[in-house]
C-alpha cells in the first residue's frame, strides 16, 4: 500500500539523519526504542517467509473486508497471513488454544472485559513498545484507556461501532405518515401509528442475546446518566439498584408490548440479528424499524440489496427524560498473543489510518482512528456515523463488553441469557435485577 511505503521511507530518512548527526554505531534498519510516544519504529518490515495467524469473529462480508486489509499488509511486508473465524464466543474458541500453546499471533477481541481476562492469565503481550506512539498520535485518549489494563497498553482498537442508532424502512414510514422520533414517547407514538397501518413496527433480534444488552445499555445511560453507567460497568453499583430497575421498567414499555414486535414476543426471541434486519427491508416488509449499531448498514446494502438513503435511513437512539445526545459504542481490539515479529508488525500496521481506510472505503465499517479521512467512507450516512463517533462529547463503551466475559459476553448465561428471559417476561423486573446482581457478583469475584 503506497501510504505505508511513504511512512517507511520517512522513518528511513529520520534514521539516516540520526546517523549523520554523529551516532556512528547505529545501523539503519534496526529497531529504535524509547521514542516519546513509547513505540518502536522500523526502517523496513521485510517479513518474507514469515507467517502470522489472525483470529476474529468476522464472517461473510466482514471477513472479506478484513482480508483486504490483511492482503495489503502481506503486499507490503512479504508475510503470509492466515485468517481463522472464531464465531461469536471468542473466549470459548481461543481459551483452549491458548492453554494448548497453539494461540494465534493476533486476535481481534470484541470485549475489553475479555482482554482483561486474557491479561490476568498472562496470555497477552503488551504493545506499548509496538504501537504506543501511533495510538497516542491517532486516537482520542479514551481508546488508549480502553486498550489498557492497569496503565499498560495491550490492544489497538481497529473497528468501532456506533450502537445508538435505529434503522427504518423509509417507504413504511412514508406510508404511515410518520417521521423519525426524537424522544422515547415519540418512539412509542410512531410505533403505534405504524402498527395501526398494518405493519409490525419494531423488529428485535432476541435470539442473539447481545442485541438485548445493547437495548438495555442505551436505555440505562439515558435514564441513569453516564456517571452511574460507569459505576454499574465497574460493579461499584449493584444490579439491584433503583437505577437498574428504572431502566428495565422503561425498556418494558417496548418489550412488554407484544403487538409492537415483529412476530410478537415469541417471534422476537426466535429471530437472530441478521434476520431482524431482513424483516424490516424485505419485500414486503415484516417490520418498520430495527435498533442496532451502524453495522446494520452493511447488512442492508450487501446482504439485502436495499439502498441506503433511499430505502433505508437511521435516527439516533431517542432521548429519554430530556437526556443529552450520547453514543454507546462497541468495537474490536487487536491484541498480540504471540511475541512474533510478524505479529508485532501487524499490530503496528493496524494502528495506522492507512490500514483503516482500506476497510472504510469498502463500507460497513467505522474507525476510531481520528486521522482517517472521512471522505473515504462510501456514502453520506456512513460518513455521518463516523463523524458522530469520533466527535462524540459523551461516549461510553458497550457495558456488557466491559464485564468479565462470563457475565457480559457468553452465550446462554449472564446478561445475554437474563435479558432474553426479560424479553420473554418483561414484568419480572425485580427478579431479573436480582439474578443479574447474583451473576455479576460471581463474575467479579
Protein backbone atom coordinates (compact mmCIF):
# COMPACT_ATOMS: atom_id res chain seq x y z
CA UNK A 1 0.00 0.00 0.00
CA UNK A 2 1.63 3.26 -1.11
CA UNK A 3 0.88 5.31 2.08
CA UNK A 4 2.65 2.70 4.21
CA UNK A 5 5.65 2.77 1.85
CA UNK A 6 5.78 6.53 2.32
CA UNK A 7 5.70 6.05 6.12
CA UNK A 8 8.54 3.54 5.93
CA UNK A 9 10.50 5.89 3.69
CA UNK A 10 10.09 8.75 6.14
CA UNK A 11 11.30 6.58 9.01
CA UNK A 12 14.33 5.58 6.96
CA UNK A 13 15.21 9.23 6.34
CA UNK A 14 14.87 10.03 10.03
CA UNK A 15 17.21 7.18 10.92
CA UNK A 16 19.75 8.34 8.33
CA UNK A 17 19.63 11.85 9.78
CA UNK A 18 20.20 10.46 13.26
CA UNK A 19 23.24 8.55 11.94
CA UNK A 20 24.60 11.66 10.21
CA UNK A 21 24.35 13.60 13.45
CA UNK A 22 27.18 11.60 14.94
CA UNK A 23 25.91 8.25 16.25
CA UNK A 24 28.04 6.06 14.00
CA UNK A 25 27.26 2.92 15.96
CA UNK A 26 23.60 2.81 14.91
CA UNK A 27 22.76 0.79 11.81
CA UNK A 28 19.88 1.89 9.61
CA UNK A 29 17.16 -0.75 9.74
CA UNK A 30 17.43 -1.60 13.42
CA UNK A 31 14.56 -1.00 15.82
CA UNK A 32 14.65 2.34 17.60
CA UNK A 33 13.11 2.16 21.07
CA UNK A 34 12.27 4.69 23.74
CA UNK A 35 10.59 7.25 21.48
CA UNK A 36 8.47 9.95 23.05
CA UNK A 37 5.32 8.03 22.22
CA UNK A 38 6.63 4.83 23.69
CA UNK A 39 6.60 2.96 20.39
CA UNK A 40 9.15 1.26 18.19
CA UNK A 41 9.95 2.13 14.60
CA UNK A 42 11.48 0.02 11.84
CA UNK A 43 13.11 1.20 8.64
CA UNK A 44 11.95 -1.85 6.74
CA UNK A 45 9.37 -4.50 7.55
CA UNK A 46 10.78 -7.33 5.47
CA UNK A 47 8.86 -10.39 6.68
CA UNK A 48 9.37 -12.57 3.62
CA UNK A 49 8.85 -16.21 4.58
CA UNK A 50 7.18 -15.41 7.90
CA UNK A 51 3.54 -16.18 8.65
CA UNK A 52 1.05 -14.70 11.06
CA UNK A 53 -2.29 -16.17 12.13
CA UNK A 54 -5.17 -13.80 12.82
CA UNK A 55 -8.36 -14.81 14.63
CA UNK A 56 -11.57 -12.77 14.79
CA UNK A 57 -15.34 -13.10 14.89
CA UNK A 58 -15.78 -11.82 11.35
CA UNK A 59 -17.50 -13.92 8.71
CA UNK A 60 -19.10 -13.20 5.33
CA UNK A 61 -18.66 -9.67 4.03
CA UNK A 62 -16.84 -8.52 7.17
CA UNK A 63 -14.31 -11.32 6.77
CA UNK A 64 -13.76 -10.36 3.13
CA UNK A 65 -13.16 -6.75 4.13
CA UNK A 66 -10.69 -7.65 6.88
CA UNK A 67 -8.90 -9.95 4.47
CA UNK A 68 -8.46 -6.97 2.11
CA UNK A 69 -6.67 -5.16 4.95
CA UNK A 70 -4.54 -8.21 5.65
CA UNK A 71 -3.73 -8.57 1.96
CA UNK A 72 -2.30 -5.04 1.95
CA UNK A 73 -0.13 -6.00 4.92
CA UNK A 74 1.05 -9.09 3.02
CA UNK A 75 1.91 -7.00 -0.03
CA UNK A 76 3.94 -4.51 1.98
CA UNK A 77 5.84 -6.94 4.18
CA UNK A 78 6.02 -10.23 2.30
CA UNK A 79 4.44 -12.05 5.24
CA UNK A 80 1.70 -14.64 4.82
CA UNK A 81 -1.48 -14.11 6.85
CA UNK A 82 -3.81 -16.97 7.75
CA UNK A 83 -7.28 -15.99 8.97
CA UNK A 84 -9.43 -18.01 11.38
CA UNK A 85 -13.02 -17.15 12.30
CA UNK A 86 -13.75 -17.81 15.96
CA UNK A 87 -17.53 -17.50 15.92
CA UNK A 88 -19.34 -15.21 18.36
CA UNK A 89 -17.92 -16.82 21.53
CA UNK A 90 -14.31 -15.70 21.12
CA UNK A 91 -13.23 -16.71 24.61
CA UNK A 92 -14.51 -20.26 24.24
CA UNK A 93 -12.57 -20.64 20.99
CA UNK A 94 -9.31 -19.00 22.00
CA UNK A 95 -9.12 -20.30 25.57
CA UNK A 96 -8.37 -23.96 24.72
CA UNK A 97 -5.88 -22.93 22.04
CA UNK A 98 -4.04 -20.67 24.46
CA UNK A 99 -3.96 -23.45 27.05
CA UNK A 100 -2.57 -25.85 24.44
CA UNK A 101 0.17 -23.42 23.39
CA UNK A 102 -1.43 -23.00 19.97
CA UNK A 103 -2.67 -19.40 20.18
CA UNK A 104 -2.92 -17.29 17.02
CA UNK A 105 -0.42 -14.45 16.73
CA UNK A 106 -3.05 -11.71 16.67
CA UNK A 107 -6.71 -11.76 17.69
CA UNK A 108 -9.50 -9.21 17.43
CA UNK A 109 -11.50 -9.19 20.66
CA UNK A 110 -14.96 -7.59 20.79
CA UNK A 111 -14.89 -7.16 24.57
CA UNK A 112 -12.47 -5.19 26.77
CA UNK A 113 -13.57 -7.50 29.58
CA UNK A 114 -12.21 -10.48 27.67
CA UNK A 115 -8.99 -8.59 27.03
CA UNK A 116 -8.61 -8.04 30.77
CA UNK A 117 -9.29 -11.74 31.40
CA UNK A 118 -6.52 -12.71 29.00
CA UNK A 119 -4.13 -10.19 30.55
CA UNK A 120 -4.88 -11.59 34.02
CA UNK A 121 -3.91 -15.11 32.97
CA UNK A 122 -0.77 -13.94 31.15
CA UNK A 123 -1.99 -14.68 27.63
CA UNK A 124 -1.37 -11.26 26.05
CA UNK A 125 1.78 -9.38 25.13
CA UNK A 126 1.89 -5.62 25.93
CA UNK A 127 2.01 -3.45 22.81
CA UNK A 128 3.19 -0.14 24.23
CA UNK A 129 6.61 -0.55 22.63
CA UNK A 130 4.99 -1.78 19.43
CA UNK A 131 2.31 0.80 18.70
CA UNK A 132 2.04 3.14 21.67
CA UNK A 133 3.30 6.12 19.68
CA UNK A 134 0.73 5.59 16.92
CA UNK A 135 -2.11 5.18 19.40
CA UNK A 136 -1.18 8.48 21.05
CA UNK A 137 -0.87 10.19 17.68
CA UNK A 138 -4.00 8.84 16.01
CA UNK A 139 -6.62 8.16 18.71
CA UNK A 140 -8.61 10.02 21.33
CA UNK A 141 -7.28 9.14 24.82
CA UNK A 142 -10.44 7.13 25.60
CA UNK A 143 -9.28 4.46 23.14
CA UNK A 144 -5.87 4.14 24.83
CA UNK A 145 -7.68 3.78 28.14
CA UNK A 146 -9.96 1.10 26.71
CA UNK A 147 -6.96 -0.73 25.25
CA UNK A 148 -5.02 -0.70 28.53
CA UNK A 149 -5.00 -2.76 31.71
CA UNK A 150 -3.51 -1.17 34.82
CA UNK A 151 -1.99 1.56 32.68
CA UNK A 152 -0.24 -0.80 30.23
CA UNK A 153 -1.33 -0.81 26.58
CA UNK A 154 -2.39 -4.26 25.37
CA UNK A 155 -4.61 -3.52 22.40
CA UNK A 156 -5.16 -1.34 19.35
CA UNK A 157 -8.80 -0.55 18.55
CA UNK A 158 -9.30 -1.12 14.85
CA UNK A 159 -13.03 -1.35 14.24
CA UNK A 160 -15.61 0.63 16.16
CA UNK A 161 -19.38 0.78 16.22
CA UNK A 162 -21.93 3.47 16.94
CA UNK A 163 -24.54 1.43 18.78
CA UNK A 164 -27.01 4.26 19.31
CA UNK A 165 -28.92 4.05 16.02
CA UNK A 166 -32.36 2.97 14.84
CA UNK A 167 -32.69 1.90 11.17
CA UNK A 168 -36.02 2.25 9.41
CA UNK A 169 -37.79 1.45 6.16
CA UNK A 170 -38.36 4.81 4.51
CA UNK A 171 -41.32 3.56 2.48
CA UNK A 172 -43.13 2.18 5.53
CA UNK A 173 -42.61 5.44 7.44
CA UNK A 174 -43.86 7.45 4.46
CA UNK A 175 -46.93 5.24 4.02
CA UNK A 176 -47.80 5.59 7.72
CA UNK A 177 -47.21 9.35 7.59
CA UNK A 178 -44.65 9.37 10.39
CA UNK A 179 -41.20 10.85 10.84
CA UNK A 180 -38.19 9.78 12.87
CA UNK A 181 -38.93 10.33 16.58
CA UNK A 182 -36.78 12.48 18.83
CA UNK A 183 -37.64 11.01 22.21
CA UNK A 184 -38.85 7.81 23.88
CA UNK A 185 -42.51 8.87 23.98
CA UNK A 186 -42.27 9.78 20.31
CA UNK A 187 -40.84 6.34 19.53
CA UNK A 188 -43.85 4.69 21.12
CA UNK A 189 -46.26 7.01 19.30
CA UNK A 190 -44.62 6.30 15.95
CA UNK A 191 -44.64 2.57 16.69
CA UNK A 192 -48.35 2.63 17.50
CA UNK A 193 -49.19 4.57 14.33
CA UNK A 194 -47.22 2.15 12.18
CA UNK A 195 -48.89 -0.79 13.93
CA UNK A 196 -52.30 0.74 13.16
CA UNK A 197 -51.27 0.93 9.49
CA UNK A 198 -50.84 -2.84 9.40
CA UNK A 199 -47.06 -3.28 9.75
CA UNK A 200 -45.30 -4.56 12.87
CA UNK A 201 -43.26 -1.52 13.90
CA UNK A 202 -40.22 -2.96 15.73
CA UNK A 203 -38.07 -5.92 14.75
CA UNK A 204 -35.88 -7.36 17.53
CA UNK A 205 -33.15 -9.98 17.13
CA UNK A 206 -33.72 -11.55 20.52
CA UNK A 207 -32.23 -14.91 19.58
CA UNK A 208 -28.86 -13.15 19.87
CA UNK A 209 -28.67 -12.02 23.48
CA UNK A 210 -26.11 -9.33 22.74
CA UNK A 211 -28.70 -7.25 20.88
CA UNK A 212 -30.77 -7.07 24.07
CA UNK A 213 -27.81 -5.90 26.14
CA UNK A 214 -27.41 -3.05 23.65
CA UNK A 215 -31.06 -2.09 24.13
CA UNK A 216 -30.61 -2.05 27.91
CA UNK A 217 -27.38 -0.04 27.81
CA UNK A 218 -28.85 2.73 25.68
CA UNK A 219 -31.89 2.98 27.92
CA UNK A 220 -29.78 2.85 31.09
CA UNK A 221 -27.36 5.62 30.14
CA UNK A 222 -30.30 7.85 29.17
CA UNK A 223 -32.23 7.21 32.38
CA UNK A 224 -29.34 6.97 34.87
CA UNK A 225 -26.64 9.13 33.24
CA UNK A 226 -23.02 8.44 32.26
CA UNK A 227 -21.59 8.54 35.79
CA UNK A 228 -23.98 5.86 37.04
CA UNK A 229 -23.25 3.92 33.85
CA UNK A 230 -19.55 3.92 34.74
CA UNK A 231 -20.30 2.73 38.26
CA UNK A 232 -22.52 -0.10 37.07
CA UNK A 233 -19.95 -1.12 34.48
CA UNK A 234 -17.31 -1.43 37.22
CA UNK A 235 -19.78 -3.20 39.54
CA UNK A 236 -19.42 -0.35 42.02
CA UNK A 237 -23.20 -0.32 41.95
CA UNK A 238 -25.35 -3.45 42.44
CA UNK A 239 -27.70 -4.54 39.68
CA UNK A 240 -30.50 -4.34 42.22
CA UNK A 241 -30.03 -0.55 42.40
CA UNK A 242 -33.11 1.53 41.64
CA UNK A 243 -31.40 2.93 38.53
CA UNK A 244 -31.35 -0.57 37.02
CA UNK A 245 -34.97 -1.35 37.83
CA UNK A 246 -35.96 2.05 36.41
CA UNK A 247 -34.18 1.25 33.15
CA UNK A 248 -35.74 -2.22 32.98
CA UNK A 249 -39.18 -0.75 33.65
CA UNK A 250 -38.64 1.77 30.86
CA UNK A 251 -37.43 -0.93 28.49
CA UNK A 252 -40.51 -3.00 29.32
CA UNK A 253 -42.63 -0.25 27.76
CA UNK A 254 -41.44 -1.62 24.42
CA UNK A 255 -40.56 -5.22 25.24
CA UNK A 256 -43.88 -5.68 27.04
CA UNK A 257 -45.98 -4.57 24.06
CA UNK A 258 -46.05 -7.76 22.03
CA UNK A 259 -48.27 -6.18 19.39
CA UNK A 260 -45.46 -3.76 18.55
CA UNK A 261 -42.91 -6.52 17.92
CA UNK A 262 -42.46 -8.29 14.60
CA UNK A 263 -43.67 -11.84 15.27
CA UNK A 264 -44.71 -10.92 18.80
CA UNK A 265 -42.64 -11.91 21.81
CA UNK A 266 -42.01 -15.46 20.60
CA UNK A 267 -41.03 -14.23 17.16
CA UNK A 268 -38.57 -11.75 18.64
CA UNK A 269 -36.97 -14.46 20.78
CA UNK A 270 -36.53 -16.70 17.72
CA UNK A 271 -35.11 -14.02 15.42
CA UNK A 272 -31.36 -13.56 15.06
CA UNK A 273 -29.71 -10.24 14.33
CA UNK A 274 -29.38 -10.58 10.55
CA UNK A 275 -32.98 -11.77 10.22
CA UNK A 276 -34.22 -8.88 12.36
CA UNK A 277 -32.74 -6.50 9.78
CA UNK A 278 -34.01 -8.52 6.83
CA UNK A 279 -37.56 -8.36 8.20
CA UNK A 280 -37.54 -4.58 8.01
CA UNK A 281 -36.13 -4.29 4.50
CA UNK A 282 -37.69 -7.37 2.88
CA UNK A 283 -40.38 -7.08 0.21
CA UNK A 284 -42.98 -6.94 1.60
CA UNK A 285 -41.55 -5.78 4.95
CA UNK A 286 -42.37 -7.57 8.18
CA UNK A 287 -41.22 -4.67 10.31
CA UNK A 288 -40.70 -0.93 10.09
CA UNK A 289 -37.57 -0.34 12.15
CA UNK A 290 -34.79 -2.21 13.90
CA UNK A 291 -32.50 -0.96 16.63
CA UNK A 292 -28.80 -1.83 16.36
CA UNK A 293 -25.45 -0.34 15.52
CA UNK A 294 -24.07 1.24 12.39
CA UNK A 295 -23.09 -2.22 11.11
CA UNK A 296 -26.75 -2.68 10.17
CA UNK A 297 -25.87 -0.62 7.09
CA UNK A 298 -23.73 -3.40 5.60
CA UNK A 299 -26.50 -5.95 6.12
CA UNK A 300 -28.95 -3.61 4.40
CA UNK A 301 -26.78 -2.89 1.38
CA UNK A 302 -24.67 -6.03 1.00
CA UNK A 303 -26.96 -8.82 2.14
CA UNK A 304 -30.41 -7.42 1.35
CA UNK A 305 -29.62 -5.11 -1.55
CA UNK A 306 -31.63 -2.14 -0.29
CA UNK A 307 -30.27 1.33 -0.97
CA UNK A 308 -29.05 3.43 1.92
CA UNK A 309 -30.55 6.90 1.92
CA UNK A 310 -33.39 5.85 -0.37
CA UNK A 311 -34.87 2.63 1.00
CA UNK A 312 -33.22 2.85 4.42
CA UNK A 313 -32.24 5.59 6.81
CA UNK A 314 -31.44 5.93 10.52
CA UNK A 315 -32.16 8.12 13.51
CA UNK A 316 -30.31 8.41 16.81
CA UNK A 317 -31.48 6.41 19.79
CA UNK A 318 -34.21 8.63 21.27
CA UNK A 319 -33.70 10.87 24.26
CA UNK A 320 -35.37 9.72 27.48
CA UNK A 321 -36.46 12.32 30.00
CA UNK A 322 -34.50 15.06 28.24
CA UNK A 323 -31.21 13.13 28.23
CA UNK A 324 -28.35 14.65 26.24
CA UNK A 325 -27.13 13.04 22.98
CA UNK A 326 -24.88 10.11 23.81
CA UNK A 327 -23.13 7.41 21.83
CA UNK A 328 -22.84 3.93 23.25
CA UNK A 329 -20.27 2.14 21.16
CA UNK A 330 -18.52 -1.11 20.64
CA UNK A 331 -15.58 -2.32 18.68
CA UNK A 332 -12.86 -4.86 18.07
CA UNK A 333 -9.44 -4.51 19.63
CA UNK A 334 -6.39 -6.14 18.07
CA UNK A 335 -4.21 -7.89 20.65
CA UNK A 336 -0.93 -9.75 20.48
CA UNK A 337 -0.91 -13.33 21.79
CA UNK A 338 2.39 -14.44 20.31
CA UNK A 339 5.50 -12.29 20.52
CA UNK A 340 6.41 -12.81 16.87
CA UNK A 341 7.99 -10.23 14.60
CA UNK A 342 5.17 -10.54 12.08
CA UNK A 343 2.54 -10.24 14.79
CA UNK A 344 4.13 -7.10 16.21
CA UNK A 345 4.36 -5.52 12.79
CA UNK A 346 0.71 -6.31 12.05
CA UNK A 347 -0.39 -4.65 15.32
CA UNK A 348 1.58 -1.55 14.34
CA UNK A 349 0.08 -1.55 10.85
CA UNK A 350 -3.44 -1.75 12.27
CA UNK A 351 -2.83 1.46 14.26
CA UNK A 352 -2.30 3.48 11.08
CA UNK A 353 -5.08 5.40 9.31
CA UNK A 354 -3.99 3.82 6.03
CA UNK A 355 -4.96 0.35 7.27
CA UNK A 356 -8.38 1.54 8.46
CA UNK A 357 -9.08 3.39 5.22
CA UNK A 358 -8.91 0.13 3.25
CA UNK A 359 -11.98 -1.21 5.03
CA UNK A 360 -13.61 2.22 5.42
CA UNK A 361 -13.89 2.75 1.68
CA UNK A 362 -15.49 -0.70 1.29
CA UNK A 363 -18.31 0.18 3.72
CA UNK A 364 -19.79 -1.43 6.80
CA UNK A 365 -17.03 -0.05 8.99
CA UNK A 366 -16.23 2.82 11.32
CA UNK A 367 -12.76 3.57 12.61
CA UNK A 368 -11.97 5.18 15.98
CA UNK A 369 -8.74 6.43 14.39
CA UNK A 370 -9.14 10.20 14.22
CA UNK A 371 -6.67 10.52 11.34
CA UNK A 372 -8.85 8.51 8.93
CA UNK A 373 -10.03 10.73 6.09
CA UNK A 374 -13.83 10.95 6.35
CA UNK A 375 -14.04 11.28 2.59
CA UNK A 376 -13.03 7.64 2.12
CA UNK A 377 -16.33 6.45 3.58
CA UNK A 378 -18.58 5.38 0.70
CA UNK A 379 -21.76 7.33 1.48
CA UNK A 380 -23.13 10.24 3.45
CA UNK A 381 -24.83 8.01 6.02
CA UNK A 382 -21.64 6.16 6.95
CA UNK A 383 -19.68 9.39 6.89
CA UNK A 384 -22.16 10.94 9.32
CA UNK A 385 -21.95 7.91 11.62
CA UNK A 386 -18.14 8.03 11.61
CA UNK A 387 -18.09 11.73 12.37
CA UNK A 388 -20.53 11.26 15.25
CA UNK A 389 -18.33 8.54 16.69
CA UNK A 390 -15.00 10.37 16.66
CA UNK A 391 -16.53 13.70 17.72
CA UNK A 392 -19.00 12.48 20.36
CA UNK A 393 -18.90 14.59 23.52
CA UNK A 394 -20.28 11.74 25.62
CA UNK A 395 -19.09 8.31 24.57
CA UNK A 396 -19.31 5.14 26.58
CA UNK A 397 -18.23 1.68 25.57
CA UNK A 398 -20.77 -1.14 25.41
CA UNK A 399 -21.36 -2.00 29.08
CA UNK A 400 -21.69 -5.77 28.57
CA UNK A 401 -18.34 -5.83 26.78
CA UNK A 402 -16.71 -4.19 29.80
CA UNK A 403 -17.81 -7.05 32.06
CA UNK A 404 -15.94 -10.28 32.71
CA UNK A 405 -16.77 -12.43 29.71
CA UNK A 406 -18.65 -14.99 31.82
CA UNK A 407 -21.18 -12.31 32.73
CA UNK A 408 -21.18 -9.93 29.78
CA UNK A 409 -20.26 -11.91 26.70
CA UNK A 410 -21.12 -15.61 26.86
CA UNK A 411 -23.96 -17.35 25.06
CA UNK A 412 -26.56 -18.87 27.38
CA UNK A 413 -25.56 -17.10 30.59
CA UNK A 414 -25.10 -13.73 32.23
CA UNK A 415 -26.53 -10.63 30.64
CA UNK A 416 -27.19 -12.31 27.29
CA UNK A 417 -29.40 -15.01 28.78
CA UNK A 418 -31.06 -12.95 31.52
CA UNK A 419 -32.16 -10.22 29.13
CA UNK A 420 -33.62 -12.89 26.89
CA UNK A 421 -35.55 -14.05 29.93
CA UNK A 422 -36.63 -10.46 30.47
CA UNK A 423 -37.85 -10.14 26.88
CA UNK A 424 -39.89 -13.30 27.47
CA UNK A 425 -41.41 -11.80 30.65
CA UNK A 426 -40.91 -8.02 30.93
CA UNK A 427 -42.94 -7.91 34.12
CA UNK A 428 -40.17 -9.70 36.05
CA UNK A 429 -38.18 -6.53 36.70
CA UNK A 430 -37.10 -7.23 40.27
CA UNK A 431 -36.38 -10.90 39.66
CA UNK A 432 -34.19 -10.21 36.65
CA UNK A 433 -32.34 -7.43 38.50
CA UNK A 434 -31.59 -9.83 41.37
CA UNK A 435 -30.35 -12.54 39.01
CA UNK A 436 -28.17 -10.01 37.18
CA UNK A 437 -26.63 -8.98 40.50
CA UNK A 438 -26.05 -12.58 41.59
CA UNK A 439 -24.25 -13.47 38.38
CA UNK A 440 -22.33 -10.17 38.25
CA UNK A 441 -21.08 -10.65 41.80
CA UNK A 442 -19.88 -14.14 40.95
CA UNK A 443 -18.12 -12.96 37.79
CA UNK A 444 -16.33 -10.09 39.52
CA UNK A 445 -15.33 -12.49 42.29
